[in-house]
N, C-alpha and C. Protein backbone atom coordinates (compact mmCIF):
# COMPACT_ATOMS: atom_id res chain seq x y z
N MET A 1 -18.83 -184.25 19.46
CA MET A 1 -18.10 -185.29 18.78
C MET A 1 -18.68 -186.68 19.05
N THR A 2 -19.37 -186.87 20.16
CA THR A 2 -19.89 -188.20 20.46
C THR A 2 -21.03 -188.59 19.53
N GLU A 3 -21.67 -187.62 18.85
CA GLU A 3 -22.77 -187.94 17.94
C GLU A 3 -22.29 -188.54 16.63
N ILE A 4 -21.07 -188.22 16.20
CA ILE A 4 -20.57 -188.71 14.92
C ILE A 4 -20.53 -190.23 14.87
N PRO A 5 -19.94 -190.94 15.87
CA PRO A 5 -19.97 -192.40 15.83
C PRO A 5 -21.39 -192.96 15.85
N ALA A 6 -22.29 -192.34 16.60
CA ALA A 6 -23.67 -192.82 16.66
C ALA A 6 -24.36 -192.69 15.32
N VAL A 7 -24.11 -191.60 14.61
CA VAL A 7 -24.71 -191.40 13.29
C VAL A 7 -24.14 -192.38 12.28
N LEU A 8 -22.86 -192.67 12.36
CA LEU A 8 -22.21 -193.53 11.39
C LEU A 8 -22.39 -195.01 11.68
N CYS A 9 -23.04 -195.35 12.75
CA CYS A 9 -23.28 -196.75 13.06
C CYS A 9 -24.14 -197.37 11.96
N ILE A 10 -23.63 -198.41 11.31
CA ILE A 10 -24.33 -199.01 10.17
C ILE A 10 -24.99 -200.35 10.55
N GLY A 11 -24.37 -201.15 11.36
CA GLY A 11 -24.95 -202.44 11.73
C GLY A 11 -24.80 -202.67 13.22
N GLY A 12 -25.74 -203.40 13.83
CA GLY A 12 -25.68 -203.71 15.25
C GLY A 12 -25.83 -202.49 16.14
N CYS A 13 -26.53 -201.49 15.67
CA CYS A 13 -26.69 -200.25 16.41
C CYS A 13 -27.80 -200.37 17.45
N ARG A 14 -27.65 -199.62 18.53
CA ARG A 14 -28.70 -199.59 19.54
C ARG A 14 -29.89 -198.80 19.01
N THR A 15 -31.09 -199.24 19.33
CA THR A 15 -32.28 -198.49 18.94
C THR A 15 -32.83 -197.76 20.16
N GLN A 16 -33.62 -196.75 19.90
CA GLN A 16 -34.23 -196.00 20.99
C GLN A 16 -35.32 -196.84 21.63
N SER A 17 -35.41 -196.79 22.94
CA SER A 17 -36.46 -197.54 23.62
C SER A 17 -37.71 -196.68 23.75
N ALA A 18 -38.84 -197.34 23.85
CA ALA A 18 -40.11 -196.64 23.97
C ALA A 18 -40.17 -195.88 25.29
N PHE A 19 -40.82 -194.76 25.27
CA PHE A 19 -40.95 -193.91 26.45
C PHE A 19 -42.34 -194.02 27.07
N HIS A 20 -43.37 -194.11 26.24
CA HIS A 20 -44.76 -194.10 26.70
C HIS A 20 -45.38 -195.50 26.63
N ILE A 21 -46.39 -195.71 27.44
CA ILE A 21 -47.23 -196.89 27.32
C ILE A 21 -48.48 -196.42 26.58
N PRO A 22 -48.71 -196.94 25.35
CA PRO A 22 -49.87 -196.48 24.57
C PRO A 22 -51.20 -196.88 25.20
N LEU A 23 -52.24 -196.15 24.85
CA LEU A 23 -53.61 -196.49 25.24
C LEU A 23 -54.02 -197.75 24.49
N GLN A 24 -55.15 -198.32 24.89
CA GLN A 24 -55.67 -199.46 24.16
C GLN A 24 -56.07 -199.02 22.76
N GLU A 25 -56.04 -199.98 21.83
CA GLU A 25 -56.35 -199.68 20.43
C GLU A 25 -57.66 -198.92 20.29
N SER A 26 -57.66 -197.88 19.51
CA SER A 26 -58.79 -197.02 19.15
C SER A 26 -59.39 -196.24 20.32
N GLN A 27 -58.79 -196.27 21.50
CA GLN A 27 -59.28 -195.49 22.62
C GLN A 27 -58.82 -194.04 22.50
N PHE A 28 -59.73 -193.11 22.72
CA PHE A 28 -59.39 -191.69 22.81
C PHE A 28 -59.77 -191.23 24.21
N LEU A 29 -58.82 -190.65 24.91
CA LEU A 29 -58.99 -190.31 26.32
C LEU A 29 -59.39 -188.84 26.48
N ASN A 30 -60.51 -188.61 27.16
CA ASN A 30 -60.95 -187.25 27.52
C ASN A 30 -60.97 -186.28 26.34
N ASP A 31 -61.27 -186.78 25.14
CA ASP A 31 -61.17 -185.94 23.96
C ASP A 31 -62.21 -184.83 23.90
N ASN A 32 -63.25 -184.89 24.72
CA ASN A 32 -64.27 -183.83 24.73
C ASN A 32 -64.16 -182.92 25.95
N GLN A 33 -63.04 -183.02 26.68
CA GLN A 33 -62.86 -182.21 27.88
C GLN A 33 -61.75 -181.19 27.67
N VAL A 34 -61.81 -180.12 28.44
CA VAL A 34 -60.81 -179.06 28.36
C VAL A 34 -59.58 -179.50 29.16
N LEU A 35 -58.41 -179.38 28.55
CA LEU A 35 -57.18 -179.88 29.13
C LEU A 35 -56.86 -179.31 30.51
N ASN A 36 -56.99 -177.99 30.67
CA ASN A 36 -56.60 -177.41 31.96
C ASN A 36 -57.52 -177.83 33.11
N LYS A 37 -58.67 -178.39 32.81
CA LYS A 37 -59.55 -178.92 33.86
C LYS A 37 -59.18 -180.35 34.23
N LEU A 38 -58.41 -181.01 33.37
CA LEU A 38 -58.00 -182.39 33.63
C LEU A 38 -56.77 -182.47 34.53
N ILE A 39 -55.99 -181.42 34.56
CA ILE A 39 -54.80 -181.37 35.42
C ILE A 39 -55.11 -180.39 36.55
N ASN A 40 -55.34 -180.91 37.73
CA ASN A 40 -55.83 -180.10 38.85
C ASN A 40 -54.70 -179.50 39.68
N GLU A 41 -53.73 -178.93 39.00
CA GLU A 41 -52.61 -178.28 39.68
C GLU A 41 -51.95 -177.35 38.68
N PRO A 42 -51.14 -176.41 39.15
CA PRO A 42 -50.39 -175.59 38.19
C PRO A 42 -49.53 -176.51 37.31
N ILE A 43 -49.59 -176.33 36.01
CA ILE A 43 -48.92 -177.24 35.08
C ILE A 43 -47.43 -176.95 35.03
N ASP A 44 -46.65 -177.99 35.29
CA ASP A 44 -45.20 -177.93 35.17
C ASP A 44 -44.87 -178.45 33.77
N LYS A 45 -44.54 -177.56 32.84
CA LYS A 45 -44.32 -177.94 31.45
C LYS A 45 -43.20 -178.96 31.28
N SER A 46 -42.28 -179.03 32.22
CA SER A 46 -41.20 -180.02 32.13
C SER A 46 -41.70 -181.44 32.38
N LYS A 47 -42.94 -181.58 32.83
CA LYS A 47 -43.51 -182.91 33.12
C LYS A 47 -44.44 -183.40 32.00
N THR A 48 -44.57 -182.63 30.91
CA THR A 48 -45.44 -183.06 29.82
C THR A 48 -44.61 -183.77 28.74
N SER A 49 -45.26 -184.68 28.04
CA SER A 49 -44.67 -185.35 26.89
C SER A 49 -45.82 -185.74 25.96
N ILE A 50 -45.46 -186.13 24.75
CA ILE A 50 -46.47 -186.43 23.72
C ILE A 50 -46.17 -187.77 23.09
N LEU A 51 -47.21 -188.57 22.91
CA LEU A 51 -47.13 -189.82 22.15
C LEU A 51 -48.03 -189.68 20.93
N ILE A 52 -47.46 -189.92 19.75
CA ILE A 52 -48.22 -189.90 18.50
C ILE A 52 -48.20 -191.30 17.91
N GLU A 53 -49.37 -191.85 17.65
CA GLU A 53 -49.50 -193.18 17.06
C GLU A 53 -50.12 -193.03 15.67
N LYS A 54 -49.28 -193.19 14.66
CA LYS A 54 -49.74 -192.97 13.29
C LYS A 54 -50.87 -193.93 12.90
N SER A 55 -50.78 -195.18 13.28
CA SER A 55 -51.79 -196.17 12.88
C SER A 55 -53.15 -195.88 13.50
N GLN A 56 -53.17 -195.17 14.62
CA GLN A 56 -54.42 -194.85 15.31
C GLN A 56 -54.90 -193.42 15.03
N HIS A 57 -54.10 -192.63 14.29
CA HIS A 57 -54.41 -191.21 14.09
C HIS A 57 -54.65 -190.54 15.44
N ARG A 58 -53.76 -190.86 16.40
CA ARG A 58 -53.98 -190.39 17.76
C ARG A 58 -52.72 -189.72 18.32
N LEU A 59 -52.90 -188.53 18.89
CA LEU A 59 -51.87 -187.86 19.66
C LEU A 59 -52.38 -187.83 21.09
N THR A 60 -51.57 -188.31 22.02
CA THR A 60 -51.96 -188.31 23.43
C THR A 60 -50.95 -187.48 24.21
N LEU A 61 -51.47 -186.54 24.98
CA LEU A 61 -50.65 -185.73 25.86
C LEU A 61 -50.51 -186.47 27.18
N TYR A 62 -49.26 -186.60 27.64
CA TYR A 62 -48.97 -187.24 28.93
C TYR A 62 -48.47 -186.18 29.90
N TYR A 63 -48.86 -186.36 31.16
CA TYR A 63 -48.38 -185.48 32.23
C TYR A 63 -47.89 -186.37 33.35
N LYS A 64 -46.65 -186.19 33.73
CA LYS A 64 -45.99 -187.04 34.72
C LYS A 64 -46.08 -188.50 34.30
N LYS A 65 -45.89 -188.74 33.01
CA LYS A 65 -45.88 -190.07 32.38
C LYS A 65 -47.23 -190.79 32.41
N LYS A 66 -48.32 -190.05 32.68
CA LYS A 66 -49.67 -190.62 32.66
C LYS A 66 -50.45 -189.97 31.53
N PRO A 67 -51.22 -190.77 30.76
CA PRO A 67 -52.01 -190.18 29.67
C PRO A 67 -53.12 -189.29 30.22
N ILE A 68 -53.25 -188.10 29.64
CA ILE A 68 -54.24 -187.14 30.11
C ILE A 68 -55.35 -186.91 29.09
N LYS A 69 -54.98 -186.69 27.83
CA LYS A 69 -55.98 -186.37 26.81
C LYS A 69 -55.47 -186.77 25.44
N SER A 70 -56.39 -187.27 24.59
CA SER A 70 -56.05 -187.67 23.21
C SER A 70 -56.71 -186.74 22.21
N TYR A 71 -56.07 -186.62 21.05
CA TYR A 71 -56.54 -185.77 19.95
C TYR A 71 -56.40 -186.55 18.64
N THR A 72 -57.29 -186.27 17.69
CA THR A 72 -57.15 -186.84 16.36
C THR A 72 -56.06 -186.06 15.63
N VAL A 73 -55.17 -186.79 14.94
CA VAL A 73 -54.04 -186.19 14.25
C VAL A 73 -53.89 -186.84 12.88
N VAL A 74 -53.44 -186.08 11.90
CA VAL A 74 -53.15 -186.62 10.56
C VAL A 74 -51.69 -186.34 10.24
N PHE A 75 -51.22 -186.88 9.10
CA PHE A 75 -49.79 -186.89 8.83
C PHE A 75 -49.47 -186.51 7.39
N GLY A 76 -48.25 -186.85 6.99
CA GLY A 76 -47.83 -186.64 5.62
C GLY A 76 -48.66 -187.47 4.66
N LYS A 77 -48.71 -187.01 3.41
CA LYS A 77 -49.52 -187.67 2.37
C LYS A 77 -49.18 -189.15 2.22
N ASN A 78 -47.93 -189.52 2.45
CA ASN A 78 -47.48 -190.91 2.38
C ASN A 78 -47.29 -191.37 3.82
N SER A 79 -48.37 -191.80 4.47
CA SER A 79 -48.34 -192.00 5.92
C SER A 79 -47.71 -193.33 6.35
N GLN A 80 -47.45 -194.24 5.42
CA GLN A 80 -46.89 -195.54 5.79
C GLN A 80 -45.37 -195.47 5.85
N GLY A 81 -44.81 -195.89 6.96
CA GLY A 81 -43.36 -195.98 7.10
C GLY A 81 -42.73 -194.71 7.66
N ASP A 82 -41.47 -194.85 7.96
CA ASP A 82 -40.67 -193.78 8.57
C ASP A 82 -40.20 -192.80 7.49
N LYS A 83 -39.85 -191.60 7.91
CA LYS A 83 -39.29 -190.60 7.00
C LYS A 83 -37.80 -190.86 6.83
N PHE A 84 -37.35 -190.93 5.57
CA PHE A 84 -35.94 -191.17 5.30
C PHE A 84 -35.29 -190.05 4.49
N TYR A 85 -36.09 -189.27 3.73
CA TYR A 85 -35.50 -188.22 2.93
C TYR A 85 -36.53 -187.13 2.63
N GLU A 86 -36.01 -185.96 2.27
CA GLU A 86 -36.85 -184.83 1.94
C GLU A 86 -37.70 -185.15 0.71
N GLY A 87 -39.00 -184.89 0.81
CA GLY A 87 -39.89 -185.10 -0.32
C GLY A 87 -40.55 -186.47 -0.34
N ASP A 88 -40.35 -187.31 0.68
CA ASP A 88 -41.02 -188.62 0.68
C ASP A 88 -42.42 -188.53 1.28
N TYR A 89 -42.81 -187.36 1.77
CA TYR A 89 -44.14 -187.09 2.34
C TYR A 89 -44.47 -187.99 3.53
N ARG A 90 -43.45 -188.48 4.22
CA ARG A 90 -43.67 -189.34 5.39
C ARG A 90 -43.40 -188.55 6.66
N THR A 91 -44.02 -189.01 7.73
CA THR A 91 -43.83 -188.42 9.05
C THR A 91 -42.76 -189.24 9.77
N PRO A 92 -41.76 -188.57 10.37
CA PRO A 92 -40.70 -189.33 11.05
C PRO A 92 -41.24 -190.13 12.23
N GLU A 93 -40.55 -191.20 12.55
CA GLU A 93 -40.88 -192.05 13.70
C GLU A 93 -39.69 -192.05 14.65
N GLY A 94 -39.97 -192.28 15.91
CA GLY A 94 -38.91 -192.35 16.92
C GLY A 94 -39.10 -191.30 18.00
N ILE A 95 -38.02 -191.08 18.74
CA ILE A 95 -38.03 -190.11 19.84
C ILE A 95 -37.48 -188.79 19.31
N LEU A 96 -38.29 -187.76 19.41
CA LEU A 96 -37.91 -186.41 18.99
C LEU A 96 -38.15 -185.46 20.17
N ARG A 97 -37.74 -184.24 20.00
CA ARG A 97 -37.99 -183.21 21.01
C ARG A 97 -38.46 -181.93 20.31
N ILE A 98 -39.24 -181.14 21.03
CA ILE A 98 -39.64 -179.85 20.49
C ILE A 98 -38.42 -178.93 20.51
N LYS A 99 -38.13 -178.39 19.35
CA LYS A 99 -36.96 -177.52 19.16
C LYS A 99 -37.32 -176.06 19.39
N ASP A 100 -38.53 -175.67 18.98
CA ASP A 100 -38.99 -174.30 19.14
C ASP A 100 -40.51 -174.28 18.99
N LEU A 101 -41.13 -173.22 19.45
CA LEU A 101 -42.58 -173.02 19.35
C LEU A 101 -42.84 -171.60 18.90
N TYR A 102 -43.77 -171.43 17.96
CA TYR A 102 -44.11 -170.08 17.52
C TYR A 102 -45.44 -170.08 16.79
N PRO A 103 -46.12 -168.90 16.77
CA PRO A 103 -47.35 -168.78 15.98
C PRO A 103 -47.02 -168.97 14.50
N HIS A 104 -47.98 -169.55 13.77
CA HIS A 104 -47.78 -169.76 12.34
C HIS A 104 -48.88 -169.03 11.58
N PRO A 105 -48.54 -168.29 10.52
CA PRO A 105 -49.54 -167.49 9.82
C PRO A 105 -50.64 -168.30 9.13
N LYS A 106 -50.38 -169.56 8.78
CA LYS A 106 -51.38 -170.36 8.08
C LYS A 106 -52.02 -171.43 8.97
N TRP A 107 -51.28 -171.97 9.96
CA TRP A 107 -51.74 -173.14 10.70
C TRP A 107 -51.77 -172.93 12.20
N SER A 108 -52.14 -171.76 12.66
CA SER A 108 -52.29 -171.44 14.07
C SER A 108 -50.95 -171.41 14.81
N LYS A 109 -50.46 -172.54 15.23
CA LYS A 109 -49.20 -172.62 15.97
C LYS A 109 -48.31 -173.67 15.30
N PHE A 110 -46.99 -173.57 15.59
CA PHE A 110 -46.03 -174.54 15.06
C PHE A 110 -45.11 -174.96 16.20
N MET A 111 -45.06 -176.27 16.45
CA MET A 111 -44.14 -176.84 17.44
C MET A 111 -43.08 -177.60 16.64
N TRP A 112 -41.98 -176.93 16.40
CA TRP A 112 -40.91 -177.42 15.54
C TRP A 112 -40.17 -178.55 16.22
N LEU A 113 -40.08 -179.69 15.57
CA LEU A 113 -39.40 -180.87 16.12
C LEU A 113 -37.94 -180.91 15.68
N ASP A 114 -37.12 -181.61 16.44
CA ASP A 114 -35.68 -181.67 16.15
C ASP A 114 -35.33 -182.73 15.10
N TYR A 115 -36.19 -182.86 14.09
CA TYR A 115 -35.87 -183.71 12.95
C TYR A 115 -35.11 -182.87 11.94
N PRO A 116 -33.95 -183.32 11.47
CA PRO A 116 -33.31 -184.59 11.79
C PRO A 116 -32.48 -184.50 13.07
N ASN A 117 -32.52 -185.60 13.84
CA ASN A 117 -31.66 -185.72 15.02
C ASN A 117 -30.69 -186.88 14.77
N THR A 118 -29.92 -187.25 15.75
CA THR A 118 -28.91 -188.30 15.57
C THR A 118 -29.54 -189.60 15.07
N ALA A 119 -30.67 -190.00 15.66
CA ALA A 119 -31.32 -191.25 15.26
C ALA A 119 -31.82 -191.19 13.82
N SER A 120 -32.39 -190.06 13.41
CA SER A 120 -32.91 -189.98 12.05
C SER A 120 -31.77 -189.91 11.03
N TRP A 121 -30.66 -189.26 11.38
CA TRP A 121 -29.49 -189.26 10.49
C TRP A 121 -28.97 -190.69 10.32
N LYS A 122 -28.94 -191.44 11.41
CA LYS A 122 -28.47 -192.82 11.35
C LYS A 122 -29.34 -193.65 10.40
N LYS A 123 -30.67 -193.52 10.53
CA LYS A 123 -31.58 -194.26 9.65
C LYS A 123 -31.42 -193.82 8.19
N HIS A 124 -31.27 -192.53 7.99
CA HIS A 124 -31.09 -191.97 6.64
C HIS A 124 -29.82 -192.57 5.99
N LEU A 125 -28.73 -192.57 6.72
CA LEU A 125 -27.47 -193.11 6.19
C LEU A 125 -27.55 -194.62 5.97
N GLN A 126 -28.24 -195.34 6.84
CA GLN A 126 -28.41 -196.79 6.65
C GLN A 126 -29.19 -197.08 5.37
N GLU A 127 -30.23 -196.30 5.11
CA GLU A 127 -31.02 -196.49 3.89
C GLU A 127 -30.15 -196.26 2.65
N LYS A 128 -29.26 -195.26 2.72
CA LYS A 128 -28.37 -194.98 1.60
C LYS A 128 -27.35 -196.09 1.40
N THR A 129 -26.70 -196.54 2.48
CA THR A 129 -25.66 -197.56 2.34
C THR A 129 -26.23 -198.90 1.91
N GLN A 130 -27.50 -199.15 2.22
CA GLN A 130 -28.14 -200.40 1.80
C GLN A 130 -28.78 -200.29 0.43
N GLY A 131 -28.68 -199.11 -0.18
CA GLY A 131 -29.18 -198.91 -1.53
C GLY A 131 -30.68 -198.72 -1.66
N TYR A 132 -31.37 -198.44 -0.55
CA TYR A 132 -32.82 -198.26 -0.60
C TYR A 132 -33.23 -196.87 -1.09
N ILE A 133 -32.37 -195.88 -0.86
CA ILE A 133 -32.64 -194.54 -1.37
C ILE A 133 -31.40 -194.02 -2.09
N ASN A 134 -31.61 -193.11 -3.01
CA ASN A 134 -30.53 -192.50 -3.78
C ASN A 134 -29.55 -191.79 -2.84
N PHE A 135 -28.28 -191.97 -3.09
CA PHE A 135 -27.25 -191.42 -2.23
C PHE A 135 -27.31 -189.89 -2.16
N PHE A 136 -27.82 -189.23 -3.18
CA PHE A 136 -27.80 -187.77 -3.22
C PHE A 136 -29.07 -187.13 -2.65
N LEU A 137 -30.02 -187.92 -2.16
CA LEU A 137 -31.22 -187.34 -1.58
C LEU A 137 -30.92 -186.72 -0.22
N PRO A 138 -31.38 -185.48 0.03
CA PRO A 138 -31.18 -184.87 1.34
C PRO A 138 -32.16 -185.43 2.37
N ILE A 139 -31.82 -185.30 3.63
CA ILE A 139 -32.66 -185.84 4.70
C ILE A 139 -33.93 -185.02 4.93
N GLY A 140 -33.88 -183.72 4.67
CA GLY A 140 -35.04 -182.86 4.91
C GLY A 140 -35.02 -182.26 6.30
N GLY A 141 -36.09 -181.57 6.64
CA GLY A 141 -36.19 -180.93 7.95
C GLY A 141 -37.47 -180.12 8.05
N GLU A 142 -37.50 -179.22 9.00
CA GLU A 142 -38.66 -178.35 9.25
C GLU A 142 -39.95 -179.15 9.45
N VAL A 143 -39.86 -180.19 10.23
CA VAL A 143 -41.03 -180.98 10.60
C VAL A 143 -41.53 -180.48 11.94
N GLY A 144 -42.83 -180.27 12.05
CA GLY A 144 -43.39 -179.82 13.31
C GLY A 144 -44.85 -180.17 13.43
N ILE A 145 -45.36 -180.06 14.63
CA ILE A 145 -46.78 -180.28 14.91
C ILE A 145 -47.48 -178.95 14.69
N HIS A 146 -48.54 -178.95 13.87
CA HIS A 146 -49.23 -177.69 13.58
C HIS A 146 -50.70 -177.92 13.33
N GLY A 147 -51.43 -176.83 13.11
CA GLY A 147 -52.86 -176.87 12.84
C GLY A 147 -53.15 -177.02 11.36
N VAL A 148 -54.32 -176.54 10.97
CA VAL A 148 -54.80 -176.62 9.58
C VAL A 148 -55.12 -175.20 9.09
N PRO A 149 -55.25 -175.01 7.78
CA PRO A 149 -55.72 -173.70 7.30
C PRO A 149 -57.07 -173.36 7.93
N GLN A 150 -57.29 -172.09 8.22
CA GLN A 150 -58.52 -171.64 8.88
C GLN A 150 -59.76 -172.24 8.22
N GLY A 151 -60.65 -172.80 9.02
CA GLY A 151 -61.90 -173.36 8.52
C GLY A 151 -61.76 -174.73 7.88
N SER A 152 -60.66 -175.41 8.11
CA SER A 152 -60.42 -176.71 7.46
C SER A 152 -60.39 -177.89 8.44
N ASP A 153 -61.14 -177.78 9.53
CA ASP A 153 -61.15 -178.87 10.51
C ASP A 153 -61.61 -180.20 9.93
N GLU A 154 -62.39 -180.17 8.84
CA GLU A 154 -62.88 -181.42 8.25
C GLU A 154 -61.73 -182.31 7.77
N ILE A 155 -60.57 -181.72 7.48
CA ILE A 155 -59.40 -182.50 7.09
C ILE A 155 -59.05 -183.48 8.22
N ILE A 156 -59.12 -182.99 9.45
CA ILE A 156 -58.80 -183.81 10.61
C ILE A 156 -59.93 -184.80 10.88
N ASP A 157 -61.18 -184.32 10.83
CA ASP A 157 -62.33 -185.20 11.06
C ASP A 157 -62.35 -186.39 10.10
N LYS A 158 -61.96 -186.16 8.85
CA LYS A 158 -61.95 -187.22 7.84
C LYS A 158 -60.65 -188.02 7.85
N ARG A 159 -59.70 -187.61 8.69
CA ARG A 159 -58.39 -188.27 8.79
C ARG A 159 -57.66 -188.29 7.44
N GLU A 160 -57.69 -187.15 6.77
CA GLU A 160 -57.01 -187.01 5.48
C GLU A 160 -55.56 -186.59 5.71
N ASN A 161 -54.63 -187.45 5.36
CA ASN A 161 -53.21 -187.12 5.49
C ASN A 161 -52.86 -186.16 4.35
N TRP A 162 -52.47 -184.92 4.72
CA TRP A 162 -52.34 -183.86 3.71
C TRP A 162 -51.00 -183.14 3.74
N THR A 163 -50.20 -183.31 4.79
CA THR A 163 -48.99 -182.50 4.93
C THR A 163 -47.82 -183.11 4.16
N TRP A 164 -46.69 -182.44 4.21
CA TRP A 164 -45.45 -182.95 3.59
C TRP A 164 -44.71 -183.88 4.54
N GLY A 165 -45.24 -184.06 5.75
CA GLY A 165 -44.62 -184.94 6.73
C GLY A 165 -44.89 -184.54 8.17
N CYS A 166 -45.55 -183.41 8.38
CA CYS A 166 -45.82 -182.92 9.73
C CYS A 166 -47.08 -183.54 10.31
N PRO A 167 -47.11 -183.80 11.63
CA PRO A 167 -48.38 -184.12 12.29
C PRO A 167 -49.24 -182.86 12.33
N SER A 168 -50.53 -182.99 12.05
CA SER A 168 -51.44 -181.84 11.99
C SER A 168 -52.71 -182.14 12.77
N LEU A 169 -53.16 -181.15 13.54
CA LEU A 169 -54.38 -181.26 14.35
C LEU A 169 -55.30 -180.08 14.05
N LYS A 170 -56.50 -180.13 14.60
CA LYS A 170 -57.39 -178.97 14.54
C LYS A 170 -56.71 -177.82 15.27
N ASN A 171 -56.97 -176.59 14.83
CA ASN A 171 -56.31 -175.43 15.43
C ASN A 171 -56.60 -175.30 16.92
N LYS A 172 -57.84 -175.56 17.34
CA LYS A 172 -58.16 -175.45 18.76
C LYS A 172 -57.37 -176.47 19.58
N ASP A 173 -57.09 -177.63 18.99
CA ASP A 173 -56.32 -178.67 19.68
C ASP A 173 -54.85 -178.30 19.76
N VAL A 174 -54.29 -177.81 18.65
CA VAL A 174 -52.88 -177.43 18.66
C VAL A 174 -52.68 -176.23 19.60
N ASP A 175 -53.66 -175.33 19.68
CA ASP A 175 -53.57 -174.20 20.61
C ASP A 175 -53.54 -174.68 22.06
N GLU A 176 -54.35 -175.69 22.37
CA GLU A 176 -54.43 -176.21 23.73
C GLU A 176 -53.11 -176.89 24.13
N ILE A 177 -52.56 -177.71 23.25
CA ILE A 177 -51.30 -178.40 23.53
C ILE A 177 -50.15 -177.41 23.66
N TYR A 178 -50.15 -176.41 22.80
CA TYR A 178 -49.10 -175.38 22.76
C TYR A 178 -48.89 -174.74 24.13
N GLU A 179 -49.95 -174.61 24.90
CA GLU A 179 -49.88 -173.94 26.20
C GLU A 179 -49.22 -174.77 27.28
N VAL A 180 -49.05 -176.08 27.08
CA VAL A 180 -48.53 -176.93 28.15
C VAL A 180 -47.21 -177.62 27.79
N VAL A 181 -46.62 -177.26 26.65
CA VAL A 181 -45.33 -177.82 26.25
C VAL A 181 -44.29 -176.71 26.18
N GLN A 182 -43.04 -177.10 25.99
CA GLN A 182 -41.95 -176.14 25.91
C GLN A 182 -40.83 -176.73 25.06
N LYS A 183 -39.79 -175.92 24.84
CA LYS A 183 -38.61 -176.45 24.16
C LYS A 183 -38.10 -177.64 24.96
N ARG A 184 -37.72 -178.69 24.25
CA ARG A 184 -37.19 -179.94 24.78
C ARG A 184 -38.27 -180.92 25.23
N THR A 185 -39.57 -180.59 25.10
CA THR A 185 -40.61 -181.56 25.41
C THR A 185 -40.44 -182.78 24.52
N LEU A 186 -40.49 -183.96 25.10
CA LEU A 186 -40.31 -185.21 24.38
C LEU A 186 -41.55 -185.54 23.55
N VAL A 187 -41.33 -185.93 22.29
CA VAL A 187 -42.41 -186.34 21.39
C VAL A 187 -42.00 -187.70 20.81
N GLU A 188 -42.78 -188.72 21.14
CA GLU A 188 -42.51 -190.07 20.63
C GLU A 188 -43.51 -190.37 19.52
N ILE A 189 -43.02 -190.75 18.34
CA ILE A 189 -43.90 -191.05 17.20
C ILE A 189 -43.74 -192.51 16.85
N LEU A 190 -44.85 -193.26 16.95
CA LEU A 190 -44.88 -194.68 16.65
C LEU A 190 -45.56 -194.93 15.28
N PRO A 191 -45.23 -196.05 14.63
CA PRO A 191 -45.91 -196.38 13.36
C PRO A 191 -47.42 -196.45 13.51
């Protein structure tokens, strides 16, 4: 019941605070190294988190709140701005969590995010009440971090935004990240 007032907050609402400290602009950290060699201890999955920066096409894996490795990532076809409704081809922004993880028949692995969550519902309703989107548009869902169709790594190399709103990486990269995250892993997505 405590989520209902938070979702219905229309003005003067609290915003989520940033969790990660981003890398310097255009820096990619340890992108040519194997992840399990960068963490010199048994990996505690509860200590991992992810920062995605849309403007940099960069996903950075953090361990114990320290950046460990960066990956090139692409997004929805309409990469500018936050996701407000189903079919806008945008990638959501804000603090999300991994809801589930499973192999995907087309894109290697799928790390399903908890979009929509309370914060995204709040933004969706604000857009409707302010008249920016049609009142009858649904919020959407099934957003997750995934790979590319087999043999399509060039999509990532060229930074072509191709999805309906999901962050997408090379299959070898999504496979590597998949091994060190779990349900409830924090994923922060910045513009």
